[in-house]
Amino acid sequence: MIPEPADQQANRRRRGSTGGRPPVFDAQVYKQRNSTERCVNKIKAYRAVAMRTDKRLYVFEGTIDVASMRIWTRDLTRHHPSDTL
């Protein structure tokens, strides 16, 4: 995340509730947002999901499920608990 310039933060505070988004940075919310975006990008890396060529919704949702399972399985093999010892 790119830090917001101090003059923009001051301008938002000066304008109050009409100043747009608040000038605060919540690290916990950013972590959740970041992990969600990374997950979506991993799923979109699968061509069938990115192109969405399926005609039926249930087939497309199944494609997302399969892509998610492959990502999860791959992450399990990469980050095995015994590797940290």
PDB file of N, CA and C in Angstrom:
ATOM      1  N   MET A   1       0.846  -1.181   0.000  1.00  0.00           N
ATOM      2  CA  MET A   1       0.000   0.000   0.000  1.00  0.00           C
ATOM      3  C   MET A   1       0.885   1.236   0.000  1.00  0.00           C
ATOM      4  N   ILE A   2       0.564   2.186  -0.819  1.00  0.00           N
ATOM      5  CA  ILE A   2       1.323   3.418  -0.902  1.00  0.00           C
ATOM      6  C   ILE A   2       0.802   4.381   0.155  1.00  0.00           C
ATOM      7  N   PRO A   3       1.686   4.903   1.008  1.00  0.00           N
ATOM      8  CA  PRO A   3       1.217   5.836   2.037  1.00  0.00           C
ATOM      9  C   PRO A   3       0.617   7.090   1.412  1.00  0.00           C
ATOM     10  N   GLU A   4      -0.411   7.582   2.042  1.00  0.00           N
ATOM     11  CA  GLU A   4      -1.074   8.779   1.546  1.00  0.00           C
ATOM     12  C   GLU A   4      -0.297  10.014   2.011  1.00  0.00           C
ATOM     13  N   PRO A   5      -0.074  10.990   1.137  1.00  0.00           N
ATOM     14  CA  PRO A   5       0.651  12.194   1.525  1.00  0.00           C
ATOM     15  C   PRO A   5      -0.034  12.924   2.684  1.00  0.00           C
ATOM     16  N   ALA A   6       0.760  13.565   3.504  1.00  0.00           N
ATOM     17  CA  ALA A   6       0.252  14.237   4.705  1.00  0.00           C
ATOM     18  C   ALA A   6      -0.744  15.346   4.363  1.00  0.00           C
ATOM     19  N   ASP A   7      -0.505  16.073   3.262  1.00  0.00           N
ATOM     20  CA  ASP A   7      -1.429  17.150   2.919  1.00  0.00           C
ATOM     21  C   ASP A   7      -2.805  16.598   2.525  1.00  0.00           C
ATOM     22  N   GLN A   8      -2.835  15.420   1.881  1.00  0.00           N
ATOM     23  CA  GLN A   8      -4.118  14.812   1.546  1.00  0.00           C
ATOM     24  C   GLN A   8      -4.847  14.340   2.802  1.00  0.00           C
ATOM     25  N   GLN A   9      -4.096  13.788   3.755  1.00  0.00           N
ATOM     26  CA  GLN A   9      -4.700  13.366   5.016  1.00  0.00           C
ATOM     27  C   GLN A   9      -5.311  14.563   5.740  1.00  0.00           C
ATOM     28  N   ALA A  10      -4.566  15.674   5.781  1.00  0.00           N
ATOM     29  CA  ALA A  10      -5.057  16.877   6.458  1.00  0.00           C
ATOM     30  C   ALA A  10      -6.307  17.420   5.776  1.00  0.00           C
ATOM     31  N   ASN A  11      -6.325  17.387   4.455  1.00  0.00           N
ATOM     32  CA  ASN A  11      -7.486  17.869   3.713  1.00  0.00           C
ATOM     33  C   ASN A  11      -8.721  17.018   4.008  1.00  0.00           C
ATOM     34  N   ARG A  12      -8.536  15.704   4.092  1.00  0.00           N
ATOM     35  CA  ARG A  12      -9.665  14.821   4.410  1.00  0.00           C
ATOM     36  C   ARG A  12     -10.196  15.100   5.820  1.00  0.00           C
ATOM     37  N   ARG A  13      -9.282  15.284   6.766  1.00  0.00           N
ATOM     38  CA  ARG A  13      -9.705  15.591   8.140  1.00  0.00           C
ATOM     39  C   ARG A  13     -10.462  16.924   8.194  1.00  0.00           C
ATOM     40  N   ARG A  14      -9.968  17.904   7.442  1.00  0.00           N
ATOM     41  CA  ARG A  14     -10.589  19.227   7.438  1.00  0.00           C
ATOM     42  C   ARG A  14     -12.009  19.175   6.893  1.00  0.00           C
ATOM     43  N   ARG A  15     -12.218  18.345   5.865  1.00  0.00           N
ATOM     44  CA  ARG A  15     -13.544  18.261   5.240  1.00  0.00           C
ATOM     45  C   ARG A  15     -14.521  17.420   6.052  1.00  0.00           C
ATOM     46  N   GLY A  16     -14.027  16.652   7.007  1.00  0.00           N
ATOM     47  CA  GLY A  16     -14.919  15.874   7.875  1.00  0.00           C
ATOM     48  C   GLY A  16     -15.573  14.711   7.153  1.00  0.00           C
ATOM     49  N   SER A  17     -16.851  14.495   7.424  1.00  0.00           N
ATOM     50  CA  SER A  17     -17.544  13.325   6.869  1.00  0.00           C
ATOM     51  C   SER A  17     -17.724  13.410   5.358  1.00  0.00           C
ATOM     52  N   THR A  18     -17.573  14.582   4.764  1.00  0.00           N
ATOM     53  CA  THR A  18     -17.694  14.709   3.310  1.00  0.00           C
ATOM     54  C   THR A  18     -16.341  14.591   2.623  1.00  0.00           C
ATOM     55  N   GLY A  19     -15.299  14.259   3.381  1.00  0.00           N
ATOM     56  CA  GLY A  19     -13.948  14.222   2.824  1.00  0.00           C
ATOM     57  C   GLY A  19     -13.544  12.914   2.189  1.00  0.00           C
ATOM     58  N   GLY A  20     -14.451  11.971   2.059  1.00  0.00           N
ATOM     59  CA  GLY A  20     -14.099  10.703   1.436  1.00  0.00           C
ATOM     60  C   GLY A  20     -13.652   9.691   2.453  1.00  0.00           C
ATOM     61  N   ARG A  21     -12.780   8.800   2.031  1.00  0.00           N
ATOM     62  CA  ARG A  21     -12.351   7.727   2.930  1.00  0.00           C
ATOM     63  C   ARG A  21     -11.516   8.286   4.079  1.00  0.00           C
ATOM     64  N   PRO A  22     -11.549   7.639   5.226  1.00  0.00           N
ATOM     65  CA  PRO A  22     -10.784   8.144   6.368  1.00  0.00           C
ATOM     66  C   PRO A  22      -9.287   7.991   6.137  1.00  0.00           C
ATOM     67  N   PRO A  23      -8.471   8.872   6.687  1.00  0.00           N
ATOM     68  CA  PRO A  23      -7.035   8.837   6.435  1.00  0.00           C
ATOM     69  C   PRO A  23      -6.286   7.863   7.338  1.00  0.00           C
ATOM     70  N   VAL A  24      -6.962   6.857   7.866  1.00  0.00           N
ATOM     71  CA  VAL A  24      -6.294   5.907   8.756  1.00  0.00           C
ATOM     72  C   VAL A  24      -5.936   4.641   7.982  1.00  0.00           C
ATOM     73  N   PHE A  25      -4.990   3.914   8.516  1.00  0.00           N
ATOM     74  CA  PHE A  25      -4.549   2.662   7.915  1.00  0.00           C
ATOM     75  C   PHE A  25      -4.728   1.570   8.953  1.00  0.00           C
ATOM     76  N   ASP A  26      -5.611   0.620   8.681  1.00  0.00           N
ATOM     77  CA  ASP A  26      -5.850  -0.491   9.586  1.00  0.00           C
ATOM     78  C   ASP A  26      -5.091  -1.703   9.052  1.00  0.00           C
ATOM     79  N   ALA A  27      -4.038  -2.082   9.746  1.00  0.00           N
ATOM     80  CA  ALA A  27      -3.179  -3.171   9.273  1.00  0.00           C
ATOM     81  C   ALA A  27      -3.924  -4.496   9.204  1.00  0.00           C
ATOM     82  N   GLN A  28      -4.811  -4.754  10.147  1.00  0.00           N
ATOM     83  CA  GLN A  28      -5.539  -6.022  10.166  1.00  0.00           C
ATOM     84  C   GLN A  28      -6.473  -6.137   8.956  1.00  0.00           C
ATOM     85  N   VAL A  29      -7.169  -5.070   8.651  1.00  0.00           N
ATOM     86  CA  VAL A  29      -8.057  -5.077   7.483  1.00  0.00           C
ATOM     87  C   VAL A  29      -7.236  -5.230   6.207  1.00  0.00           C
ATOM     88  N   TYR A  30      -6.077  -4.595   6.143  1.00  0.00           N
ATOM     89  CA  TYR A  30      -5.223  -4.688   4.962  1.00  0.00           C
ATOM     90  C   TYR A  30      -4.727  -6.119   4.768  1.00  0.00           C
ATOM     91  N   LYS A  31      -4.372  -6.796   5.861  1.00  0.00           N
ATOM     92  CA  LYS A  31      -3.918  -8.183   5.753  1.00  0.00           C
ATOM     93  C   LYS A  31      -5.012  -9.066   5.176  1.00  0.00           C
ATOM     94  N   GLN A  32      -6.238  -8.879   5.650  1.00  0.00           N
ATOM     95  CA  GLN A  32      -7.350  -9.686   5.148  1.00  0.00           C
ATOM     96  C   GLN A  32      -7.615  -9.389   3.679  1.00  0.00           C
ATOM     97  N   ARG A  33      -7.581  -8.124   3.317  1.00  0.00           N
ATOM     98  CA  ARG A  33      -7.827  -7.730   1.928  1.00  0.00           C
ATOM     99  C   ARG A  33      -6.725  -8.266   1.024  1.00  0.00           C
ATOM    100  N   ASN A  34      -5.485  -8.172   1.488  1.00  0.00           N
ATOM    101  CA  ASN A  34      -4.354  -8.634   0.706  1.00  0.00           C
ATOM    102  C   ASN A  34      -4.434 -10.138   0.470  1.00  0.00           C
ATOM    103  N   SER A  35      -4.748 -10.911   1.505  1.00  0.00           N
ATOM    104  CA  SER A  35      -4.825 -12.362   1.333  1.00  0.00           C
ATOM    105  C   SER A  35      -5.979 -12.741   0.412  1.00  0.00           C
ATOM    106  N   THR A  36      -7.090 -12.012   0.479  1.00  0.00           N
ATOM    107  CA  THR A  36      -8.221 -12.280  -0.407  1.00  0.00           C
ATOM    108  C   THR A  36      -7.844 -11.996  -1.854  1.00  0.00           C
ATOM    109  N   GLU A  37      -7.181 -10.881  -2.105  1.00  0.00           N
ATOM    110  CA  GLU A  37      -6.782 -10.539  -3.470  1.00  0.00           C
ATOM    111  C   GLU A  37      -5.785 -11.546  -4.021  1.00  0.00           C
ATOM    112  N   ARG A  38      -4.845 -12.001  -3.188  1.00  0.00           N
ATOM    113  CA  ARG A  38      -3.874 -12.989  -3.641  1.00  0.00           C
ATOM    114  C   ARG A  38      -4.556 -14.305  -3.986  1.00  0.00           C
ATOM    115  N   CYS A  39      -5.555 -14.687  -3.193  1.00  0.00           N
ATOM    116  CA  CYS A  39      -6.298 -15.916  -3.452  1.00  0.00           C
ATOM    117  C   CYS A  39      -7.060 -15.817  -4.779  1.00  0.00           C
ATOM    118  N   VAL A  40      -7.725 -14.712  -5.006  1.00  0.00           N
ATOM    119  CA  VAL A  40      -8.472 -14.521  -6.253  1.00  0.00           C
ATOM    120  C   VAL A  40      -7.515 -14.555  -7.443  1.00  0.00           C
ATOM    121  N   ASN A  41      -6.350 -13.944  -7.309  1.00  0.00           N
ATOM    122  CA  ASN A  41      -5.378 -13.949  -8.405  1.00  0.00           C
ATOM    123  C   ASN A  41      -4.854 -15.347  -8.687  1.00  0.00           C
ATOM    124  N   LYS A  42      -4.666 -16.166  -7.639  1.00  0.00           N
ATOM    125  CA  LYS A  42      -4.234 -17.548  -7.847  1.00  0.00           C
ATOM    126  C   LYS A  42      -5.304 -18.325  -8.605  1.00  0.00           C
ATOM    127  N   ILE A  43      -6.558 -18.116  -8.237  1.00  0.00           N
ATOM    128  CA  ILE A  43      -7.648 -18.826  -8.916  1.00  0.00           C
ATOM    129  C   ILE A  43      -7.761 -18.369 -10.369  1.00  0.00           C
ATOM    130  N   LYS A  44      -7.586 -17.078 -10.617  1.00  0.00           N
ATOM    131  CA  LYS A  44      -7.683 -16.566 -11.983  1.00  0.00           C
ATOM    132  C   LYS A  44      -6.515 -17.007 -12.857  1.00  0.00           C
ATOM    133  N   ALA A  45      -5.458 -17.529 -12.244  1.00  0.00           N
ATOM    134  CA  ALA A  45      -4.329 -18.020 -13.022  1.00  0.00           C
ATOM    135  C   ALA A  45      -4.713 -19.257 -13.833  1.00  0.00           C
ATOM    136  N   TYR A  46      -5.782 -19.920 -13.434  1.00  0.00           N
ATOM    137  CA  TYR A  46      -6.269 -21.058 -14.194  1.00  0.00           C
ATOM    138  C   TYR A  46      -7.070 -20.542 -15.381  1.00  0.00           C
ATOM    139  N   ARG A  47      -6.693 -21.000 -16.552  1.00  0.00           N
ATOM    140  CA  ARG A  47      -7.262 -20.460 -17.781  1.00  0.00           C
ATOM    141  C   ARG A  47      -8.775 -20.633 -17.861  1.00  0.00           C
ATOM    142  N   ALA A  48      -9.268 -21.786 -17.426  1.00  0.00           N
ATOM    143  CA  ALA A  48     -10.704 -22.047 -17.511  1.00  0.00           C
ATOM    144  C   ALA A  48     -11.495 -21.090 -16.632  1.00  0.00           C
ATOM    145  N   VAL A  49     -10.906 -20.679 -15.528  1.00  0.00           N
ATOM    146  CA  VAL A  49     -11.581 -19.731 -14.645  1.00  0.00           C
ATOM    147  C   VAL A  49     -11.482 -18.323 -15.226  1.00  0.00           C
ATOM    148  N   ALA A  50     -10.307 -17.966 -15.713  1.00  0.00           N
ATOM    149  CA  ALA A  50     -10.094 -16.613 -16.220  1.00  0.00           C
ATOM    150  C   ALA A  50     -10.936 -16.323 -17.457  1.00  0.00           C
ATOM    151  N   MET A  51     -11.066 -17.311 -18.331  1.00  0.00           N
ATOM    152  CA  MET A  51     -11.795 -17.081 -19.579  1.00  0.00           C
ATOM    153  C   MET A  51     -13.295 -17.294 -19.432  1.00  0.00           C
ATOM    154  N   ARG A  52     -13.679 -18.068 -18.438  1.00  0.00           N
ATOM    155  CA  ARG A  52     -15.082 -18.391 -18.168  1.00  0.00           C
ATOM    156  C   ARG A  52     -15.828 -18.793 -19.446  1.00  0.00           C
ATOM    157  N   THR A  53     -15.389 -19.911 -19.991  1.00  0.00           N
ATOM    158  CA  THR A  53     -16.010 -20.415 -21.208  1.00  0.00           C
ATOM    159  C   THR A  53     -17.177 -21.348 -20.921  1.00  0.00           C
ATOM    160  N   ASP A  54     -17.400 -21.709 -19.658  1.00  0.00           N
ATOM    161  CA  ASP A  54     -18.505 -22.609 -19.311  1.00  0.00           C
ATOM    162  C   ASP A  54     -19.835 -21.894 -19.502  1.00  0.00           C
ATOM    163  N   LYS A  55     -20.808 -22.632 -20.031  1.00  0.00           N
ATOM    164  CA  LYS A  55     -22.117 -22.030 -20.272  1.00  0.00           C
ATOM    165  C   LYS A  55     -23.020 -22.088 -19.053  1.00  0.00           C
ATOM    166  N   ARG A  56     -22.795 -23.043 -18.194  1.00  0.00           N
ATOM    167  CA  ARG A  56     -23.648 -23.221 -17.023  1.00  0.00           C
ATOM    168  C   ARG A  56     -22.909 -22.793 -15.763  1.00  0.00           C
ATOM    169  N   LEU A  57     -23.655 -22.162 -14.857  1.00  0.00           N
ATOM    170  CA  LEU A  57     -23.068 -21.651 -13.622  1.00  0.00           C
ATOM    171  C   LEU A  57     -22.500 -22.773 -12.771  1.00  0.00           C
ATOM    172  N   TYR A  58     -23.209 -23.905 -12.675  1.00  0.00           N
ATOM    173  CA  TYR A  58     -22.726 -24.978 -11.807  1.00  0.00           C
ATOM    174  C   TYR A  58     -21.423 -25.585 -12.330  1.00  0.00           C
ATOM    175  N   VAL A  59     -21.222 -25.571 -13.646  1.00  0.00           N
ATOM    176  CA  VAL A  59     -19.966 -26.060 -14.213  1.00  0.00           C
ATOM    177  C   VAL A  59     -18.834 -25.084 -13.882  1.00  0.00           C
ATOM    178  N   PHE A  60     -19.124 -23.795 -13.996  1.00  0.00           N
ATOM    179  CA  PHE A  60     -18.118 -22.779 -13.671  1.00  0.00           C
ATOM    180  C   PHE A  60     -17.746 -22.847 -12.195  1.00  0.00           C
ATOM    181  N   GLU A  61     -18.744 -22.997 -11.319  1.00  0.00           N
ATOM    182  CA  GLU A  61     -18.461 -23.100  -9.890  1.00  0.00           C
ATOM    183  C   GLU A  61     -17.644 -24.357  -9.584  1.00  0.00           C
ATOM    184  N   GLY A  62     -17.909 -25.440 -10.309  1.00  0.00           N
ATOM    185  CA  GLY A  62     -17.105 -26.652 -10.154  1.00  0.00           C
ATOM    186  C   GLY A  62     -15.666 -26.424 -10.586  1.00  0.00           C
ATOM    187  N   THR A  63     -15.485 -25.656 -11.647  1.00  0.00           N
ATOM    188  CA  THR A  63     -14.136 -25.323 -12.109  1.00  0.00           C
ATOM    189  C   THR A  63     -13.392 -24.533 -11.046  1.00  0.00           C
ATOM    190  N   ILE A  64     -14.071 -23.605 -10.405  1.00  0.00           N
ATOM    191  CA  ILE A  64     -13.458 -22.835  -9.326  1.00  0.00           C
ATOM    192  C   ILE A  64     -13.110 -23.754  -8.156  1.00  0.00           C
ATOM    193  N   ASP A  65     -13.991 -24.694  -7.849  1.00  0.00           N
ATOM    194  CA  ASP A  65     -13.720 -25.640  -6.764  1.00  0.00           C
ATOM    195  C   ASP A  65     -12.475 -26.473  -7.051  1.00  0.00           C
ATOM    196  N   VAL A  66     -12.372 -26.981  -8.270  1.00  0.00           N
ATOM    197  CA  VAL A  66     -11.218 -27.798  -8.637  1.00  0.00           C
ATOM    198  C   VAL A  66      -9.936 -26.965  -8.586  1.00  0.00           C
ATOM    199  N   ALA A  67      -9.983 -25.741  -9.091  1.00  0.00           N
ATOM    200  CA  ALA A  67      -8.806 -24.869  -9.043  1.00  0.00           C
ATOM    201  C   ALA A  67      -8.410 -24.583  -7.598  1.00  0.00           C
ATOM    202  N   SER A  68      -9.392 -24.363  -6.734  1.00  0.00           N
ATOM    203  CA  SER A  68      -9.112 -24.099  -5.325  1.00  0.00           C
ATOM    204  C   SER A  68      -8.476 -25.306  -4.650  1.00  0.00           C
ATOM    205  N   MET A  69      -8.988 -26.492  -4.968  1.00  0.00           N
ATOM    206  CA  MET A  69      -8.411 -27.709  -4.385  1.00  0.00           C
ATOM    207  C   MET A  69      -6.976 -27.926  -4.846  1.00  0.00           C
ATOM    208  N   ARG A  70      -6.718 -27.638  -6.105  1.00  0.00           N
ATOM    209  CA  ARG A  70      -5.336 -27.795  -6.606  1.00  0.00           C
ATOM    210  C   ARG A  70      -4.399 -26.800  -5.930  1.00  0.00           C
ATOM    211  N   ILE A  71      -4.849 -25.578  -5.737  1.00  0.00           N
ATOM    212  CA  ILE A  71      -4.019 -24.577  -5.056  1.00  0.00           C
ATOM    213  C   ILE A  71      -3.766 -25.004  -3.620  1.00  0.00           C
ATOM    214  N   TRP A  72      -4.810 -25.457  -2.936  1.00  0.00           N
ATOM    215  CA  TRP A  72      -4.689 -25.875  -1.547  1.00  0.00           C
ATOM    216  C   TRP A  72      -3.738 -27.061  -1.414  1.00  0.00           C
ATOM    217  N   THR A  73      -3.878 -28.046  -2.317  1.00  0.00           N
ATOM    218  CA  THR A  73      -3.002 -29.217  -2.278  1.00  0.00           C
ATOM    219  C   THR A  73      -1.558 -28.825  -2.548  1.00  0.00           C
ATOM    220  N   ARG A  74      -1.344 -27.937  -3.502  1.00  0.00           N
ATOM    221  CA  ARG A  74       0.008 -27.496  -3.823  1.00  0.00           C
ATOM    222  C   ARG A  74       0.632 -26.770  -2.626  1.00  0.00           C
ATOM    223  N   ASP A  75      -0.158 -25.932  -1.956  1.00  0.00           N
ATOM    224  CA  ASP A  75       0.363 -25.217  -0.787  1.00  0.00           C
ATOM    225  C   ASP A  75       0.673 -26.169   0.361  1.00  0.00           C
ATOM    226  N   LEU A  76      -0.086 -27.246   0.497  1.00  0.00           N
ATOM    227  CA  LEU A  76       0.193 -28.234   1.541  1.00  0.00           C
ATOM    228  C   LEU A  76       1.535 -28.904   1.308  1.00  0.00           C
ATOM    229  N   THR A  77       1.846 -29.201   0.062  1.00  0.00           N
ATOM    230  CA  THR A  77       3.111 -29.881  -0.220  1.00  0.00           C
ATOM    231  C   THR A  77       4.294 -28.929  -0.132  1.00  0.00           C
ATOM    232  N   ARG A  78       4.083 -27.666  -0.365  1.00  0.00           N
ATOM    233  CA  ARG A  78       5.188 -26.691  -0.288  1.00  0.00           C
ATOM    234  C   ARG A  78       5.533 -26.312   1.141  1.00  0.00           C
ATOM    235  N   HIS A  79       4.541 -26.191   1.994  1.00  0.00           N
ATOM    236  CA  HIS A  79       4.747 -25.707   3.352  1.00  0.00           C
ATOM    237  C   HIS A  79       4.464 -26.812   4.354  1.00  0.00           C
ATOM    238  N   HIS A  80       5.234 -27.857   4.289  1.00  0.00           N
ATOM    239  CA  HIS A  80       5.038 -28.973   5.201  1.00  0.00           C
ATOM    240  C   HIS A  80       5.559 -28.577   6.573  1.00  0.00           C
ATOM    241  N   PRO A  81       4.852 -28.895   7.676  1.00  0.00           N
ATOM    242  CA  PRO A  81       5.280 -28.489   9.021  1.00  0.00           C
ATOM    243  C   PRO A  81       6.666 -28.979   9.405  1.00  0.00           C
ATOM    244  N   SER A  82       7.107 -30.125   8.874  1.00  0.00           N
ATOM    245  CA  SER A  82       8.425 -30.634   9.238  1.00  0.00           C
ATOM    246  C   SER A  82       9.555 -29.812   8.612  1.00  0.00           C
ATOM    247  N   ASP A  83       9.240 -28.992   7.608  1.00  0.00           N
ATOM    248  CA  ASP A  83      10.264 -28.154   6.976  1.00  0.00           C
ATOM    249  C   ASP A  83      10.760 -27.049   7.891  1.00  0.00           C
ATOM    250  N   THR A  84       9.980 -26.678   8.889  1.00  0.00           N
ATOM    251  CA  THR A  84      10.351 -25.559   9.748  1.00  0.00           C
ATOM    252  C   THR A  84      11.273 -25.971  10.879  1.00  0.00           C
ATOM    253  N   LEU A  85      11.463 -27.269  11.100  1.00  0.00           N
ATOM    254  CA  LEU A  85      12.311 -27.736  12.198  1.00  0.00           C
ATOM    255  C   LEU A  85      13.772 -27.683  11.890  1.00  0.00           C
TER     256      LEU A  85
END
